[in-house]
PDB file of N, CA and C in Angstrom:
ATOM      1  N   MET A   1     -20.789   4.131  49.110  1.00  0.00           N
ATOM      2  CA  MET A   1     -20.369   3.595  47.827  1.00  0.00           C
ATOM      3  C   MET A   1     -21.539   2.854  47.196  1.00  0.00           C
ATOM      4  N   GLN A   2     -21.870   3.227  45.996  1.00  0.00           N
ATOM      5  CA  GLN A   2     -22.888   2.523  45.228  1.00  0.00           C
ATOM      6  C   GLN A   2     -22.185   1.509  44.341  1.00  0.00           C
ATOM      7  N   SER A   3     -22.489   0.218  44.550  1.00  0.00           N
ATOM      8  CA  SER A   3     -21.852  -0.833  43.764  1.00  0.00           C
ATOM      9  C   SER A   3     -22.771  -1.335  42.670  1.00  0.00           C
ATOM     10  N   VAL A   4     -22.176  -1.632  41.536  1.00  0.00           N
ATOM     11  CA  VAL A   4     -22.822  -2.403  40.481  1.00  0.00           C
ATOM     12  C   VAL A   4     -21.886  -3.570  40.197  1.00  0.00           C
ATOM     13  N   PHE A   5     -22.392  -4.573  39.503  1.00  0.00           N
ATOM     14  CA  PHE A   5     -21.650  -5.808  39.327  1.00  0.00           C
ATOM     15  C   PHE A   5     -21.638  -6.216  37.865  1.00  0.00           C
ATOM     16  N   HIS A   6     -20.543  -6.890  37.487  1.00  0.00           N
ATOM     17  CA  HIS A   6     -20.404  -7.395  36.123  1.00  0.00           C
ATOM     18  C   HIS A   6     -19.800  -8.795  36.199  1.00  0.00           C
ATOM     19  N   ILE A   7     -20.396  -9.731  35.476  1.00  0.00           N
ATOM     20  CA  ILE A   7     -19.920 -11.110  35.421  1.00  0.00           C
ATOM     21  C   ILE A   7     -19.037 -11.260  34.184  1.00  0.00           C
ATOM     22  N   THR A   8     -17.878 -11.863  34.372  1.00  0.00           N
ATOM     23  CA  THR A   8     -16.961 -12.046  33.244  1.00  0.00           C
ATOM     24  C   THR A   8     -16.077 -13.258  33.485  1.00  0.00           C
ATOM     25  N   PRO A   9     -15.554 -13.867  32.438  1.00  0.00           N
ATOM     26  CA  PRO A   9     -14.581 -14.947  32.631  1.00  0.00           C
ATOM     27  C   PRO A   9     -13.303 -14.423  33.293  1.00  0.00           C
ATOM     28  N   GLN A  10     -12.716 -15.236  34.141  1.00  0.00           N
ATOM     29  CA  GLN A  10     -11.453 -14.873  34.788  1.00  0.00           C
ATOM     30  C   GLN A  10     -10.414 -14.483  33.742  1.00  0.00           C
ATOM     31  N   GLN A  11     -10.384 -15.194  32.623  1.00  0.00           N
ATOM     32  CA  GLN A  11      -9.409 -14.915  31.560  1.00  0.00           C
ATOM     33  C   GLN A  11      -9.582 -13.491  31.006  1.00  0.00           C
ATOM     34  N   ALA A  12     -10.825 -13.056  30.823  1.00  0.00           N
ATOM     35  CA  ALA A  12     -11.079 -11.697  30.321  1.00  0.00           C
ATOM     36  C   ALA A  12     -10.610 -10.661  31.343  1.00  0.00           C
ATOM     37  N   TRP A  13     -10.780 -10.943  32.613  1.00  0.00           N
ATOM     38  CA  TRP A  13     -10.319 -10.036  33.660  1.00  0.00           C
ATOM     39  C   TRP A  13      -8.785  -9.978  33.660  1.00  0.00           C
ATOM     40  N   ASN A  14      -8.138 -11.128  33.453  1.00  0.00           N
ATOM     41  CA  ASN A  14      -6.676 -11.152  33.380  1.00  0.00           C
ATOM     42  C   ASN A  14      -6.168 -10.287  32.228  1.00  0.00           C
ATOM     43  N   VAL A  15      -6.830 -10.374  31.078  1.00  0.00           N
ATOM     44  CA  VAL A  15      -6.463  -9.559  29.911  1.00  0.00           C
ATOM     45  C   VAL A  15      -6.631  -8.078  30.242  1.00  0.00           C
ATOM     46  N   ALA A  16      -7.738  -7.731  30.891  1.00  0.00           N
ATOM     47  CA  ALA A  16      -7.991  -6.334  31.257  1.00  0.00           C
ATOM     48  C   ALA A  16      -6.891  -5.799  32.158  1.00  0.00           C
ATOM     49  N   GLN A  17      -6.461  -6.598  33.110  1.00  0.00           N
ATOM     50  CA  GLN A  17      -5.402  -6.153  34.014  1.00  0.00           C
ATOM     51  C   GLN A  17      -4.099  -5.928  33.247  1.00  0.00           C
ATOM     52  N   ALA A  18      -3.821  -6.764  32.287  1.00  0.00           N
ATOM     53  CA  ALA A  18      -2.600  -6.600  31.482  1.00  0.00           C
ATOM     54  C   ALA A  18      -2.682  -5.359  30.593  1.00  0.00           C
ATOM     55  N   GLN A  19      -3.904  -5.060  30.098  1.00  0.00           N
ATOM     56  CA  GLN A  19      -4.088  -3.927  29.189  1.00  0.00           C
ATOM     57  C   GLN A  19      -4.404  -2.621  29.914  1.00  0.00           C
ATOM     58  N   GLY A  20      -4.818  -2.708  31.176  1.00  0.00           N
ATOM     59  CA  GLY A  20      -5.120  -1.516  31.953  1.00  0.00           C
ATOM     60  C   GLY A  20      -6.526  -0.978  31.768  1.00  0.00           C
ATOM     61  N   LEU A  21      -7.391  -1.741  31.077  1.00  0.00           N
ATOM     62  CA  LEU A  21      -8.767  -1.308  30.799  1.00  0.00           C
ATOM     63  C   LEU A  21      -9.591  -2.543  30.467  1.00  0.00           C
ATOM     64  N   TYR A  22     -10.848  -2.571  30.924  1.00  0.00           N
ATOM     65  CA  TYR A  22     -11.713  -3.711  30.622  1.00  0.00           C
ATOM     66  C   TYR A  22     -12.711  -3.344  29.534  1.00  0.00           C
ATOM     67  N   ARG A  23     -12.757  -4.206  28.513  1.00  0.00           N
ATOM     68  CA  ARG A  23     -13.744  -4.098  27.436  1.00  0.00           C
ATOM     69  C   ARG A  23     -14.342  -5.481  27.257  1.00  0.00           C
ATOM     70  N   CYS A  24     -15.533  -5.539  26.730  1.00  0.00           N
ATOM     71  CA  CYS A  24     -16.126  -6.828  26.394  1.00  0.00           C
ATOM     72  C   CYS A  24     -16.876  -6.683  25.074  1.00  0.00           C
ATOM     73  N   GLU A  25     -17.293  -7.796  24.513  1.00  0.00           N
ATOM     74  CA  GLU A  25     -17.917  -7.798  23.193  1.00  0.00           C
ATOM     75  C   GLU A  25     -19.144  -6.890  23.132  1.00  0.00           C
ATOM     76  N   SER A  26     -19.941  -6.859  24.195  1.00  0.00           N
ATOM     77  CA  SER A  26     -21.165  -6.051  24.156  1.00  0.00           C
ATOM     78  C   SER A  26     -20.879  -4.555  24.004  1.00  0.00           C
ATOM     79  N   LEU A  27     -19.711  -4.125  24.441  1.00  0.00           N
ATOM     80  CA  LEU A  27     -19.363  -2.707  24.270  1.00  0.00           C
ATOM     81  C   LEU A  27     -19.269  -2.370  22.786  1.00  0.00           C
ATOM     82  N   ASP A  28     -18.736  -3.293  21.993  1.00  0.00           N
ATOM     83  CA  ASP A  28     -18.627  -3.075  20.547  1.00  0.00           C
ATOM     84  C   ASP A  28     -19.948  -3.337  19.827  1.00  0.00           C
ATOM     85  N   THR A  29     -20.702  -4.349  20.263  1.00  0.00           N
ATOM     86  CA  THR A  29     -21.919  -4.727  19.540  1.00  0.00           C
ATOM     87  C   THR A  29     -23.160  -3.960  19.985  1.00  0.00           C
ATOM     88  N   GLU A  30     -23.221  -3.589  21.272  1.00  0.00           N
ATOM     89  CA  GLU A  30     -24.416  -2.916  21.796  1.00  0.00           C
ATOM     90  C   GLU A  30     -24.136  -1.504  22.297  1.00  0.00           C
ATOM     91  N   GLY A  31     -22.874  -1.163  22.442  1.00  0.00           N
ATOM     92  CA  GLY A  31     -22.516   0.180  22.883  1.00  0.00           C
ATOM     93  C   GLY A  31     -22.373   0.338  24.382  1.00  0.00           C
ATOM     94  N   PHE A  32     -22.487  -0.761  25.131  1.00  0.00           N
ATOM     95  CA  PHE A  32     -22.354  -0.675  26.581  1.00  0.00           C
ATOM     96  C   PHE A  32     -21.943  -2.018  27.165  1.00  0.00           C
ATOM     97  N   ILE A  33     -21.506  -1.972  28.426  1.00  0.00           N
ATOM     98  CA  ILE A  33     -21.181  -3.162  29.201  1.00  0.00           C
ATOM     99  C   ILE A  33     -22.357  -3.431  30.127  1.00  0.00           C
ATOM    100  N   HIS A  34     -22.883  -4.644  30.065  1.00  0.00           N
ATOM    101  CA  HIS A  34     -24.003  -5.032  30.927  1.00  0.00           C
ATOM    102  C   HIS A  34     -23.544  -5.143  32.374  1.00  0.00           C
ATOM    103  N   CYS A  35     -24.295  -4.539  33.265  1.00  0.00           N
ATOM    104  CA  CYS A  35     -24.044  -4.650  34.700  1.00  0.00           C
ATOM    105  C   CYS A  35     -25.355  -4.998  35.393  1.00  0.00           C
ATOM    106  N   SER A  36     -25.264  -5.251  36.678  1.00  0.00           N
ATOM    107  CA  SER A  36     -26.439  -5.572  37.488  1.00  0.00           C
ATOM    108  C   SER A  36     -26.285  -4.919  38.849  1.00  0.00           C
ATOM    109  N   THR A  37     -27.400  -4.711  39.501  1.00  0.00           N
ATOM    110  CA  THR A  37     -27.353  -4.346  40.909  1.00  0.00           C
ATOM    111  C   THR A  37     -27.121  -5.628  41.693  1.00  0.00           C
ATOM    112  N   GLN A  38     -26.851  -5.507  42.961  1.00  0.00           N
ATOM    113  CA  GLN A  38     -26.637  -6.698  43.788  1.00  0.00           C
ATOM    114  C   GLN A  38     -27.887  -7.569  43.827  1.00  0.00           C
ATOM    115  N   LEU A  39     -29.048  -6.958  43.818  1.00  0.00           N
ATOM    116  CA  LEU A  39     -30.290  -7.728  43.856  1.00  0.00           C
ATOM    117  C   LEU A  39     -30.594  -8.405  42.521  1.00  0.00           C
ATOM    118  N   GLN A  40     -30.009  -7.950  41.428  1.00  0.00           N
ATOM    119  CA  GLN A  40     -30.268  -8.517  40.103  1.00  0.00           C
ATOM    120  C   GLN A  40     -29.251  -9.573  39.687  1.00  0.00           C
ATOM    121  N   VAL A  41     -28.076  -9.581  40.277  1.00  0.00           N
ATOM    122  CA  VAL A  41     -26.956 -10.349  39.739  1.00  0.00           C
ATOM    123  C   VAL A  41     -27.210 -11.857  39.702  1.00  0.00           C
ATOM    124  N   ILE A  42     -27.846 -12.424  40.687  1.00  0.00           N
ATOM    125  CA  ILE A  42     -28.065 -13.875  40.692  1.00  0.00           C
ATOM    126  C   ILE A  42     -29.083 -14.267  39.632  1.00  0.00           C
ATOM    127  N   ARG A  43     -30.109 -13.489  39.455  1.00  0.00           N
ATOM    128  CA  ARG A  43     -31.085 -13.761  38.405  1.00  0.00           C
ATOM    129  C   ARG A  43     -30.422 -13.719  37.029  1.00  0.00           C
ATOM    130  N   VAL A  44     -29.564 -12.735  36.815  1.00  0.00           N
ATOM    131  CA  VAL A  44     -28.829 -12.620  35.549  1.00  0.00           C
ATOM    132  C   VAL A  44     -27.890 -13.812  35.377  1.00  0.00           C
ATOM    133  N   ALA A  45     -27.154 -14.152  36.423  1.00  0.00           N
ATOM    134  CA  ALA A  45     -26.212 -15.272  36.342  1.00  0.00           C
ATOM    135  C   ALA A  45     -26.933 -16.568  35.993  1.00  0.00           C
ATOM    136  N   ASN A  46     -28.063 -16.825  36.627  1.00  0.00           N
ATOM    137  CA  ASN A  46     -28.788 -18.065  36.371  1.00  0.00           C
ATOM    138  C   ASN A  46     -29.455 -18.074  34.997  1.00  0.00           C
ATOM    139  N   ALA A  47     -29.785 -16.914  34.482  1.00  0.00           N
ATOM    140  CA  ALA A  47     -30.415 -16.842  33.159  1.00  0.00           C
ATOM    141  C   ALA A  47     -29.394 -16.953  32.026  1.00  0.00           C
ATOM    142  N   PHE A  48     -28.217 -16.376  32.194  1.00  0.00           N
ATOM    143  CA  PHE A  48     -27.267 -16.275  31.083  1.00  0.00           C
ATOM    144  C   PHE A  48     -25.968 -17.067  31.259  1.00  0.00           C
ATOM    145  N   TYR A  49     -25.637 -17.457  32.475  1.00  0.00           N
ATOM    146  CA  TYR A  49     -24.346 -18.112  32.731  1.00  0.00           C
ATOM    147  C   TYR A  49     -24.479 -19.473  33.400  1.00  0.00           C
ATOM    148  N   ARG A  50     -25.658 -19.987  33.525  1.00  0.00           N
ATOM    149  CA  ARG A  50     -25.904 -21.234  34.248  1.00  0.00           C
ATOM    150  C   ARG A  50     -24.909 -22.320  33.815  1.00  0.00           C
ATOM    151  N   GLY A  51     -24.229 -22.903  34.801  1.00  0.00           N
ATOM    152  CA  GLY A  51     -23.305 -23.999  34.567  1.00  0.00           C
ATOM    153  C   GLY A  51     -21.933 -23.592  34.074  1.00  0.00           C
ATOM    154  N   GLN A  52     -21.727 -22.320  33.756  1.00  0.00           N
ATOM    155  CA  GLN A  52     -20.417 -21.879  33.260  1.00  0.00           C
ATOM    156  C   GLN A  52     -19.439 -21.734  34.423  1.00  0.00           C
ATOM    157  N   THR A  53     -18.234 -22.195  34.197  1.00  0.00           N
ATOM    158  CA  THR A  53     -17.204 -22.107  35.228  1.00  0.00           C
ATOM    159  C   THR A  53     -16.137 -21.102  34.797  1.00  0.00           C
ATOM    160  N   GLY A  54     -15.244 -20.810  35.731  1.00  0.00           N
ATOM    161  CA  GLY A  54     -14.143 -19.895  35.421  1.00  0.00           C
ATOM    162  C   GLY A  54     -14.556 -18.440  35.394  1.00  0.00           C
ATOM    163  N   LEU A  55     -15.639 -18.107  36.106  1.00  0.00           N
ATOM    164  CA  LEU A  55     -16.145 -16.732  36.106  1.00  0.00           C
ATOM    165  C   LEU A  55     -15.708 -15.984  37.358  1.00  0.00           C
ATOM    166  N   VAL A  56     -15.705 -14.667  37.245  1.00  0.00           N
ATOM    167  CA  VAL A  56     -15.538 -13.790  38.396  1.00  0.00           C
ATOM    168  C   VAL A  56     -16.657 -12.749  38.361  1.00  0.00           C
ATOM    169  N   LEU A  57     -16.951 -12.231  39.525  1.00  0.00           N
ATOM    170  CA  LEU A  57     -17.949 -11.179  39.674  1.00  0.00           C
ATOM    171  C   LEU A  57     -17.218  -9.911  40.082  1.00  0.00           C
ATOM    172  N   LEU A  58     -17.214  -8.932  39.177  1.00  0.00           N
ATOM    173  CA  LEU A  58     -16.539  -7.664  39.458  1.00  0.00           C
ATOM    174  C   LEU A  58     -17.478  -6.762  40.245  1.00  0.00           C
ATOM    175  N   GLN A  59     -17.023  -6.295  41.384  1.00  0.00           N
ATOM    176  CA  GLN A  59     -17.763  -5.315  42.170  1.00  0.00           C
ATOM    177  C   GLN A  59     -17.185  -3.952  41.840  1.00  0.00           C
ATOM    178  N   ILE A  60     -18.038  -3.089  41.320  1.00  0.00           N
ATOM    179  CA  ILE A  60     -17.616  -1.806  40.767  1.00  0.00           C
ATOM    180  C   ILE A  60     -18.188  -0.661  41.599  1.00  0.00           C
ATOM    181  N   ASP A  61     -17.339   0.254  41.983  1.00  0.00           N
ATOM    182  CA  ASP A  61     -17.769   1.466  42.679  1.00  0.00           C
ATOM    183  C   ASP A  61     -18.214   2.467  41.617  1.00  0.00           C
ATOM    184  N   ALA A  62     -19.518   2.708  41.536  1.00  0.00           N
ATOM    185  CA  ALA A  62     -20.072   3.582  40.500  1.00  0.00           C
ATOM    186  C   ALA A  62     -19.494   4.992  40.565  1.00  0.00           C
ATOM    187  N   ASP A  63     -19.090   5.440  41.736  1.00  0.00           N
ATOM    188  CA  ASP A  63     -18.536   6.792  41.881  1.00  0.00           C
ATOM    189  C   ASP A  63     -17.145   6.925  41.269  1.00  0.00           C
ATOM    190  N   ARG A  64     -16.479   5.814  41.027  1.00  0.00           N
ATOM    191  CA  ARG A  64     -15.122   5.846  40.463  1.00  0.00           C
ATOM    192  C   ARG A  64     -15.102   5.654  38.946  1.00  0.00           C
ATOM    193  N   LEU A  65     -16.251   5.424  38.360  1.00  0.00           N
ATOM    194  CA  LEU A  65     -16.302   5.166  36.920  1.00  0.00           C
ATOM    195  C   LEU A  65     -15.970   6.408  36.113  1.00  0.00           C
ATOM    196  N   GLN A  66     -15.225   6.206  35.039  1.00  0.00           N
ATOM    197  CA  GLN A  66     -14.932   7.304  34.123  1.00  0.00           C
ATOM    198  C   GLN A  66     -15.960   7.376  33.005  1.00  0.00           C
ATOM    199  N   ALA A  67     -16.495   6.233  32.595  1.00  0.00           N
ATOM    200  CA  ALA A  67     -17.529   6.198  31.558  1.00  0.00           C
ATOM    201  C   ALA A  67     -18.896   6.431  32.199  1.00  0.00           C
ATOM    202  N   ASP A  68     -19.865   6.735  31.374  1.00  0.00           N
ATOM    203  CA  ASP A  68     -21.223   7.039  31.821  1.00  0.00           C
ATOM    204  C   ASP A  68     -21.960   5.766  32.224  1.00  0.00           C
ATOM    205  N   LEU A  69     -22.510   5.738  33.424  1.00  0.00           N
ATOM    206  CA  LEU A  69     -23.344   4.635  33.898  1.00  0.00           C
ATOM    207  C   LEU A  69     -24.797   5.098  33.867  1.00  0.00           C
ATOM    208  N   ARG A  70     -25.623   4.360  33.142  1.00  0.00           N
ATOM    209  CA  ARG A  70     -27.055   4.689  33.043  1.00  0.00           C
ATOM    210  C   ARG A  70     -27.880   3.487  33.442  1.00  0.00           C
ATOM    211  N   TYR A  71     -29.012   3.754  34.043  1.00  0.00           N
ATOM    212  CA  TYR A  71     -29.972   2.702  34.374  1.00  0.00           C
ATOM    213  C   TYR A  71     -31.045   2.726  33.301  1.00  0.00           C
ATOM    214  N   ASP A  72     -30.976   1.737  32.420  1.00  0.00           N
ATOM    215  CA  ASP A  72     -31.875   1.668  31.272  1.00  0.00           C
ATOM    216  C   ASP A  72     -32.973   0.641  31.527  1.00  0.00           C
ATOM    217  N   PRO A  73     -34.221   0.996  31.245  1.00  0.00           N
ATOM    218  CA  PRO A  73     -35.294   0.018  31.398  1.00  0.00           C
ATOM    219  C   PRO A  73     -35.233  -1.023  30.280  1.00  0.00           C
ATOM    220  N   ILE A  74     -35.526  -2.268  30.640  1.00  0.00           N
ATOM    221  CA  ILE A  74     -35.645  -3.331  29.641  1.00  0.00           C
ATOM    222  C   ILE A  74     -37.132  -3.538  29.370  1.00  0.00           C
ATOM    223  N   GLU A  75     -37.457  -4.515  28.523  1.00  0.00           N
ATOM    224  CA  GLU A  75     -38.846  -4.704  28.105  1.00  0.00           C
ATOM    225  C   GLU A  75     -39.817  -4.951  29.263  1.00  0.00           C
ATOM    226  N   THR A  76     -39.327  -5.467  30.388  1.00  0.00           N
ATOM    227  CA  THR A  76     -40.195  -5.694  31.550  1.00  0.00           C
ATOM    228  C   THR A  76     -40.437  -4.412  32.344  1.00  0.00           C
ATOM    229  N   GLY A  77     -39.678  -3.369  32.042  1.00  0.00           N
ATOM    230  CA  GLY A  77     -39.782  -2.125  32.782  1.00  0.00           C
ATOM    231  C   GLY A  77     -38.718  -1.990  33.863  1.00  0.00           C
ATOM    232  N   GLU A  78     -38.060  -3.100  34.208  1.00  0.00           N
ATOM    233  CA  GLU A  78     -37.002  -3.061  35.209  1.00  0.00           C
ATOM    234  C   GLU A  78     -35.776  -2.355  34.622  1.00  0.00           C
ATOM    235  N   ALA A  79     -35.116  -1.548  35.436  1.00  0.00           N
ATOM    236  CA  ALA A  79     -33.935  -0.816  34.980  1.00  0.00           C
ATOM    237  C   ALA A  79     -32.667  -1.568  35.370  1.00  0.00           C
ATOM    238  N   PHE A  80     -31.748  -1.698  34.406  1.00  0.00           N
ATOM    239  CA  PHE A  80     -30.458  -2.333  34.634  1.00  0.00           C
ATOM    240  C   PHE A  80     -29.357  -1.322  34.378  1.00  0.00           C
ATOM    241  N   PRO A  81     -28.278  -1.379  35.174  1.00  0.00           N
ATOM    242  CA  PRO A  81     -27.152  -0.476  34.937  1.00  0.00           C
ATOM    243  C   PRO A  81     -26.356  -0.915  33.708  1.00  0.00           C
ATOM    244  N   HIS A  82     -26.050   0.037  32.860  1.00  0.00           N
ATOM    245  CA  HIS A  82     -25.236  -0.186  31.661  1.00  0.00           C
ATOM    246  C   HIS A  82     -24.110   0.841  31.659  1.00  0.00           C
ATOM    247  N   LEU A  83     -22.907   0.366  31.390  1.00  0.00           N
ATOM    248  CA  LEU A  83     -21.739   1.236  31.355  1.00  0.00           C
ATOM    249  C   LEU A  83     -21.413   1.562  29.905  1.00  0.00           C
ATOM    250  N   TYR A  84     -21.541   2.824  29.536  1.00  0.00           N
ATOM    251  CA  TYR A  84     -21.362   3.289  28.153  1.00  0.00           C
ATOM    252  C   TYR A  84     -19.919   3.706  27.895  1.00  0.00           C
ATOM    253  N   GLY A  85     -19.043   2.746  27.960  1.00  0.00           N
ATOM    254  CA  GLY A  85     -17.623   2.958  27.711  1.00  0.00           C
ATOM    255  C   GLY A  85     -16.846   1.875  28.420  1.00  0.00           C
ATOM    256  N   PRO A  86     -15.531   1.849  28.210  1.00  0.00           N
ATOM    257  CA  PRO A  86     -14.726   0.834  28.877  1.00  0.00           C
ATOM    258  C   PRO A  86     -14.708   1.037  30.389  1.00  0.00           C
ATOM    259  N   LEU A  87     -14.448  -0.031  31.086  1.00  0.00           N
ATOM    260  CA  LEU A  87     -14.378  -0.013  32.542  1.00  0.00           C
ATOM    261  C   LEU A  87     -12.954   0.288  32.978  1.00  0.00           C
ATOM    262  N   ASN A  88     -12.777   1.402  33.654  1.00  0.00           N
ATOM    263  CA  ASN A  88     -11.470   1.736  34.217  1.00  0.00           C
ATOM    264  C   ASN A  88     -11.239   0.865  35.451  1.00  0.00           C
ATOM    265  N   LEU A  89     -10.071   0.263  35.514  1.00  0.00           N
ATOM    266  CA  LEU A  89      -9.794  -0.755  36.527  1.00  0.00           C
ATOM    267  C   LEU A  89      -9.848  -0.243  37.960  1.00  0.00           C
ATOM    268  N   GLU A  90      -9.542   1.030  38.166  1.00  0.00           N
ATOM    269  CA  GLU A  90      -9.570   1.549  39.541  1.00  0.00           C
ATOM    270  C   GLU A  90     -10.991   1.629  40.109  1.00  0.00           C
ATOM    271  N   ALA A  91     -11.996   1.463  39.271  1.00  0.00           N
ATOM    272  CA  ALA A  91     -13.383   1.436  39.757  1.00  0.00           C
ATOM    273  C   ALA A  91     -13.758   0.063  40.309  1.00  0.00           C
ATOM    274  N   VAL A  92     -12.976  -0.958  39.989  1.00  0.00           N
ATOM    275  CA  VAL A  92     -13.247  -2.306  40.488  1.00  0.00           C
ATOM    276  C   VAL A  92     -12.673  -2.406  41.896  1.00  0.00           C
ATOM    277  N   VAL A  93     -13.563  -2.534  42.880  1.00  0.00           N
ATOM    278  CA  VAL A  93     -13.126  -2.536  44.273  1.00  0.00           C
ATOM    279  C   VAL A  93     -12.943  -3.940  44.830  1.00  0.00           C
ATOM    280  N   GLN A  94     -13.558  -4.937  44.190  1.00  0.00           N
ATOM    281  CA  GLN A  94     -13.364  -6.308  44.624  1.00  0.00           C
ATOM    282  C   GLN A  94     -13.689  -7.251  43.466  1.00  0.00           C
ATOM    283  N   VAL A  95     -12.931  -8.331  43.392  1.00  0.00           N
ATOM    284  CA  VAL A  95     -13.170  -9.375  42.396  1.00  0.00           C
ATOM    285  C   VAL A  95     -13.519 -10.637  43.167  1.00  0.00           C
ATOM    286  N   HIS A  96     -14.765 -11.086  43.001  1.00  0.00           N
ATOM    287  CA  HIS A  96     -15.253 -12.257  43.721  1.00  0.00           C
ATOM    288  C   HIS A  96     -15.180 -13.486  42.819  1.00  0.00           C
ATOM    289  N   PRO A  97     -14.584 -14.597  43.280  1.00  0.00           N
ATOM    290  CA  PRO A  97     -14.704 -15.838  42.517  1.00  0.00           C
ATOM    291  C   PRO A  97     -16.192 -16.152  42.366  1.00  0.00           C
ATOM    292  N   PHE A  98     -16.599 -16.646  41.200  1.00  0.00           N
ATOM    293  CA  PHE A  98     -18.027 -16.812  40.935  1.00  0.00           C
ATOM    294  C   PHE A  98     -18.252 -18.124  40.192  1.00  0.00           C
ATOM    295  N   GLU A  99     -18.241 -19.197  40.947  1.00  0.00           N
ATOM    296  CA  GLU A  99     -18.424 -20.535  40.395  1.00  0.00           C
ATOM    297  C   GLU A  99     -19.849 -21.020  40.684  1.00  0.00           C
ATOM    298  N   PRO A 100     -20.416 -21.808  39.776  1.00  0.00           N
ATOM    299  CA  PRO A 100     -21.763 -22.317  39.997  1.00  0.00           C
ATOM    300  C   PRO A 100     -21.785 -23.421  41.059  1.00  0.00           C
ATOM    301  N   GLU A 101     -22.971 -23.637  41.601  1.00  0.00           N
ATOM    302  CA  GLU A 101     -23.198 -24.751  42.515  1.00  0.00           C
ATOM    303  C   GLU A 101     -23.187 -26.045  41.702  1.00  0.00           C
ATOM    304  N   ALA A 102     -23.299 -27.180  42.354  1.00  0.00           N
ATOM    305  CA  ALA A 102     -23.258 -28.483  41.688  1.00  0.00           C
ATOM    306  C   ALA A 102     -24.350 -28.618  40.624  1.00  0.00           C
ATOM    307  N   ASP A 103     -25.503 -27.970  40.838  1.00  0.00           N
ATOM    308  CA  ASP A 103     -26.609 -28.057  39.871  1.00  0.00           C
ATOM    309  C   ASP A 103     -26.503 -27.014  38.752  1.00  0.00           C
ATOM    310  N   GLY A 104     -25.427 -26.234  38.752  1.00  0.00           N
ATOM    311  CA  GLY A 104     -25.210 -25.226  37.712  1.00  0.00           C
ATOM    312  C   GLY A 104     -25.730 -23.847  38.051  1.00  0.00           C
ATOM    313  N   SER A 105     -26.474 -23.736  39.146  1.00  0.00           N
ATOM    314  CA  SER A 105     -27.030 -22.437  39.532  1.00  0.00           C
ATOM    315  C   SER A 105     -26.001 -21.628  40.323  1.00  0.00           C
ATOM    316  N   PHE A 106     -26.276 -20.350  40.444  1.00  0.00           N
ATOM    317  CA  PHE A 106     -25.380 -19.447  41.156  1.00  0.00           C
ATOM    318  C   PHE A 106     -26.020 -18.930  42.434  1.00  0.00           C
ATOM    319  N   GLU A 107     -25.179 -18.625  43.393  1.00  0.00           N
ATOM    320  CA  GLU A 107     -25.549 -17.928  44.620  1.00  0.00           C
ATOM    321  C   GLU A 107     -24.563 -16.782  44.811  1.00  0.00           C
ATOM    322  N   LEU A 108     -24.983 -15.796  45.580  1.00  0.00           N
ATOM    323  CA  LEU A 108     -24.058 -14.706  45.894  1.00  0.00           C
ATOM    324  C   LEU A 108     -22.850 -15.257  46.641  1.00  0.00           C
ATOM    325  N   PRO A 109     -21.673 -14.751  46.356  1.00  0.00           N
ATOM    326  CA  PRO A 109     -20.506 -15.135  47.154  1.00  0.00           C
ATOM    327  C   PRO A 109     -20.752 -14.780  48.624  1.00  0.00           C
ATOM    328  N   ASP A 110     -20.175 -15.562  49.519  1.00  0.00           N
ATOM    329  CA  ASP A 110     -20.353 -15.326  50.955  1.00  0.00           C
ATOM    330  C   ASP A 110     -19.995 -13.900  51.343  1.00  0.00           C
ATOM    331  N   THR A 111     -19.016 -13.317  50.667  1.00  0.00           N
ATOM    332  CA  THR A 111     -18.579 -11.958  50.985  1.00  0.00           C
ATOM    333  C   THR A 111     -19.662 -10.914  50.682  1.00  0.00           C
ATOM    334  N   LEU A 112     -20.656 -11.279  49.880  1.00  0.00           N
ATOM    335  CA  LEU A 112     -21.733 -10.338  49.536  1.00  0.00           C
ATOM    336  C   LEU A 112     -23.067 -10.679  50.193  1.00  0.00           C
ATOM    337  N   LYS A 113     -23.263 -11.917  50.610  1.00  0.00           N
ATOM    338  CA  LYS A 113     -24.559 -12.349  51.127  1.00  0.00           C
ATOM    339  C   LYS A 113     -25.072 -11.469  52.252  1.00  0.00           C
ATOM    340  N   ARG A 114     -24.194 -11.056  53.118  1.00  0.00           N
ATOM    341  CA  ARG A 114     -24.630 -10.254  54.267  1.00  0.00           C
ATOM    342  C   ARG A 114     -25.108  -8.865  53.860  1.00  0.00           C
ATOM    343  N   ASN A 115     -24.757  -8.423  52.629  1.00  0.00           N
ATOM    344  CA  ASN A 115     -25.102  -7.069  52.194  1.00  0.00           C
ATOM    345  C   ASN A 115     -26.296  -7.005  51.234  1.00  0.00           C
ATOM    346  N   VAL A 116     -26.983  -8.125  51.003  1.00  0.00           N
ATOM    347  CA  VAL A 116     -28.044  -8.156  49.994  1.00  0.00           C
ATOM    348  C   VAL A 116     -29.109  -7.099  50.238  1.00  0.00           C
ATOM    349  N   ASN A 117     -29.534  -6.936  51.436  1.00  0.00           N
ATOM    350  CA  ASN A 117     -30.577  -5.949  51.725  1.00  0.00           C
ATOM    351  C   ASN A 117     -30.020  -4.736  52.440  1.00  0.00           C
ATOM    352  N   GLY A 118     -28.757  -4.436  52.139  1.00  0.00           N
ATOM    353  CA  GLY A 118     -28.132  -3.269  52.752  1.00  0.00           C
ATOM    354  C   GLY A 118     -27.695  -3.533  54.179  1.00  0.00           C
ATOM    355  N   GLN A 119     -27.715  -4.788  54.599  1.00  0.00           N
ATOM    356  CA  GLN A 119     -27.329  -5.128  55.951  1.00  0.00           C
ATOM    357  C   GLN A 119     -25.819  -5.307  56.045  1.00  0.00           C
ATOM    358  N   PRO A 120     -25.241  -4.893  57.142  1.00  0.00           N
ATOM    359  CA  PRO A 120     -23.779  -5.074  57.321  1.00  0.00           C
ATOM    360  C   PRO A 120     -23.422  -6.539  57.531  1.00  0.00           C
TER     361      PRO A 120
END
């Protein structure tokens, strides 16, 4: 299973479950949902979500996605996964609580730490 990750407020995830599909503002404004690999997610969280509470980290099985997942290079040359369509809920294999540390920074949830470098 190839996983990608998406950070979202718990409230937005609750709405998605009620509606049966996940959408976010970037899908309408940029044409895709921002995702990260496991190695990228903490850097993204600390850059864009520092100190924000009430978040969850969606673990997505890329093989179950109905919309197109592409790895697009950004200005640094690094490629990030982008989902070009709504997220079908059956592709979400785990929802991790994602709260910041006391200093506002993020760390991988304990359930993911052991898998950072592909280790069991």
